[in-house]
N, C-alpha and C. Protein backbone atom coordinates (compact mmCIF):
# COMPACT_ATOMS: atom_id res chain seq x y z
N MET A 1 0.85 -17.67 11.15
CA MET A 1 1.65 -18.29 10.12
C MET A 1 2.66 -17.31 9.66
N SER A 2 3.88 -17.74 9.52
CA SER A 2 4.91 -16.77 9.02
C SER A 2 5.13 -16.91 7.59
N LYS A 3 5.82 -15.87 7.06
CA LYS A 3 6.09 -15.76 5.62
C LYS A 3 6.97 -16.94 5.18
N HIS A 4 6.87 -17.29 3.87
CA HIS A 4 7.80 -18.20 3.25
C HIS A 4 9.18 -17.62 3.14
N LEU A 5 10.11 -18.46 3.14
CA LEU A 5 11.58 -17.99 2.92
C LEU A 5 11.78 -17.14 1.78
N ALA A 6 11.17 -17.39 0.68
CA ALA A 6 11.33 -16.52 -0.54
C ALA A 6 10.70 -15.16 -0.46
N ASP A 7 9.78 -15.00 0.58
CA ASP A 7 9.04 -13.69 0.74
C ASP A 7 9.72 -12.75 1.70
N HIS A 8 10.88 -13.26 2.32
CA HIS A 8 11.61 -12.33 3.17
C HIS A 8 12.67 -11.56 2.36
N ARG A 9 12.48 -10.23 2.37
CA ARG A 9 13.38 -9.34 1.54
C ARG A 9 14.53 -8.85 2.43
N LYS A 10 15.67 -8.85 1.98
CA LYS A 10 16.83 -8.25 2.63
C LYS A 10 16.78 -6.77 2.49
N PRO A 11 17.26 -6.04 3.45
CA PRO A 11 17.31 -4.52 3.28
C PRO A 11 18.29 -4.17 2.15
N THR A 12 17.96 -3.23 1.31
CA THR A 12 18.76 -2.79 0.23
C THR A 12 19.82 -1.72 0.72
N SER A 13 20.78 -1.66 -0.08
CA SER A 13 21.88 -0.71 0.21
C SER A 13 21.60 0.60 -0.40
N GLY A 14 20.66 0.71 -1.38
CA GLY A 14 20.38 1.89 -2.11
C GLY A 14 21.19 2.12 -3.37
N ALA A 15 21.83 0.99 -3.76
CA ALA A 15 22.58 1.09 -4.97
C ALA A 15 21.87 1.46 -6.20
N ARG A 16 20.65 0.89 -6.38
CA ARG A 16 19.87 1.22 -7.56
C ARG A 16 19.53 2.71 -7.57
N LEU A 17 19.12 3.22 -6.51
CA LEU A 17 18.83 4.68 -6.43
C LEU A 17 20.06 5.51 -6.66
N GLN A 18 21.19 5.19 -6.17
CA GLN A 18 22.40 5.92 -6.40
C GLN A 18 22.76 5.88 -7.95
N GLN A 19 22.60 4.77 -8.54
CA GLN A 19 22.96 4.67 -9.97
C GLN A 19 21.94 5.49 -10.85
N PHE A 20 20.62 5.39 -10.45
CA PHE A 20 19.72 6.20 -11.15
C PHE A 20 19.94 7.67 -10.99
N LEU A 21 20.32 8.12 -9.85
CA LEU A 21 20.67 9.59 -9.63
C LEU A 21 21.84 9.93 -10.44
N ARG A 22 22.83 9.06 -10.48
CA ARG A 22 24.09 9.33 -11.19
C ARG A 22 23.81 9.46 -12.71
N LEU A 23 22.88 8.65 -13.27
CA LEU A 23 22.49 8.84 -14.66
C LEU A 23 21.63 10.01 -14.89
N ALA A 24 20.84 10.43 -13.89
CA ALA A 24 19.89 11.56 -14.08
C ALA A 24 20.70 12.78 -14.07
N ARG A 25 21.75 12.81 -13.34
CA ARG A 25 22.60 13.99 -13.30
C ARG A 25 23.60 14.16 -14.42
N ALA A 26 23.78 13.03 -15.20
CA ALA A 26 24.65 13.08 -16.25
C ALA A 26 24.34 14.13 -17.34
N PRO A 27 25.26 14.59 -18.18
CA PRO A 27 24.84 15.56 -19.19
C PRO A 27 23.75 15.03 -20.11
N ARG A 28 23.10 15.93 -20.73
CA ARG A 28 21.93 15.59 -21.61
C ARG A 28 22.30 14.70 -22.77
N GLU A 29 23.54 14.67 -23.31
CA GLU A 29 23.96 13.79 -24.37
C GLU A 29 23.83 12.34 -24.05
N THR A 30 23.76 12.02 -22.84
CA THR A 30 23.65 10.60 -22.43
C THR A 30 22.29 10.18 -22.80
N TRP A 31 21.23 10.84 -22.82
CA TRP A 31 19.89 10.44 -23.13
C TRP A 31 19.47 10.88 -24.54
N HIS A 32 19.98 11.97 -25.02
CA HIS A 32 19.50 12.47 -26.31
C HIS A 32 20.66 12.67 -27.25
N ARG A 33 20.58 12.17 -28.43
CA ARG A 33 21.63 12.37 -29.37
C ARG A 33 21.24 13.67 -30.20
N PRO A 34 22.27 14.43 -30.56
CA PRO A 34 21.90 15.61 -31.31
C PRO A 34 21.25 15.22 -32.60
N ARG A 35 20.22 16.05 -33.03
CA ARG A 35 19.40 15.72 -34.24
C ARG A 35 20.25 15.82 -35.49
N ALA A 36 21.21 16.61 -35.60
CA ALA A 36 21.92 16.77 -36.83
C ALA A 36 22.68 15.47 -37.28
N ALA A 37 23.18 14.72 -36.25
CA ALA A 37 23.93 13.52 -36.43
C ALA A 37 23.16 12.48 -37.21
N ALA A 38 21.75 12.37 -36.89
CA ALA A 38 20.91 11.37 -37.47
C ALA A 38 20.12 11.92 -38.60
N GLY A 39 20.29 13.06 -39.01
CA GLY A 39 19.42 13.75 -40.07
C GLY A 39 19.45 13.10 -41.36
N THR A 40 20.63 12.83 -41.88
CA THR A 40 20.72 12.29 -43.27
C THR A 40 20.20 10.88 -43.38
N SER A 41 20.57 10.02 -42.49
CA SER A 41 20.14 8.62 -42.52
C SER A 41 18.63 8.59 -42.27
N ARG A 42 18.11 9.40 -41.37
CA ARG A 42 16.78 9.43 -41.09
C ARG A 42 15.88 9.84 -42.34
N LEU A 43 16.42 10.88 -42.99
CA LEU A 43 15.73 11.41 -44.26
C LEU A 43 15.71 10.31 -45.28
N LYS A 44 16.76 9.57 -45.45
CA LYS A 44 16.89 8.46 -46.44
C LYS A 44 15.84 7.35 -46.10
N GLN A 45 15.68 7.10 -44.85
CA GLN A 45 14.65 6.09 -44.41
C GLN A 45 13.31 6.55 -44.79
N PHE A 46 12.99 7.83 -44.40
CA PHE A 46 11.69 8.35 -44.76
C PHE A 46 11.33 8.34 -46.21
N LEU A 47 12.28 8.69 -47.00
CA LEU A 47 12.16 8.68 -48.48
C LEU A 47 12.00 7.34 -48.94
N ARG A 48 12.67 6.43 -48.45
CA ARG A 48 12.58 4.94 -48.85
C ARG A 48 11.16 4.42 -48.58
N ILE A 49 10.57 4.78 -47.39
CA ILE A 49 9.25 4.32 -47.04
C ILE A 49 8.25 5.02 -47.90
N ALA A 50 8.54 6.34 -48.20
CA ALA A 50 7.50 7.04 -49.04
C ALA A 50 7.45 6.51 -50.42
N ARG A 51 8.56 5.91 -50.93
CA ARG A 51 8.53 5.37 -52.31
C ARG A 51 7.91 4.00 -52.24
N GLY A 52 7.67 3.45 -51.09
CA GLY A 52 7.04 2.11 -51.08
C GLY A 52 8.05 0.92 -50.95
N ARG A 53 9.25 1.24 -50.77
CA ARG A 53 10.20 0.22 -50.64
C ARG A 53 10.25 -0.33 -49.16
N GLU A 54 10.18 -1.64 -49.01
CA GLU A 54 10.25 -2.21 -47.66
C GLU A 54 11.62 -2.55 -47.21
N VAL A 55 12.48 -2.84 -48.16
CA VAL A 55 13.89 -3.34 -47.76
C VAL A 55 14.86 -2.33 -48.28
């Protein structure tokens, strides 16, 4: 018995791998923001939570 038509996969061109490698080779700023940029707003949020405010 042969496979159903939906079960036949076409060979890929490798585009997903190429895009993944392109992103992996990108500068680190692509994945991680500098901590100094989010420092003040993050501190405000921690203080708000510590005071017991939900909104």
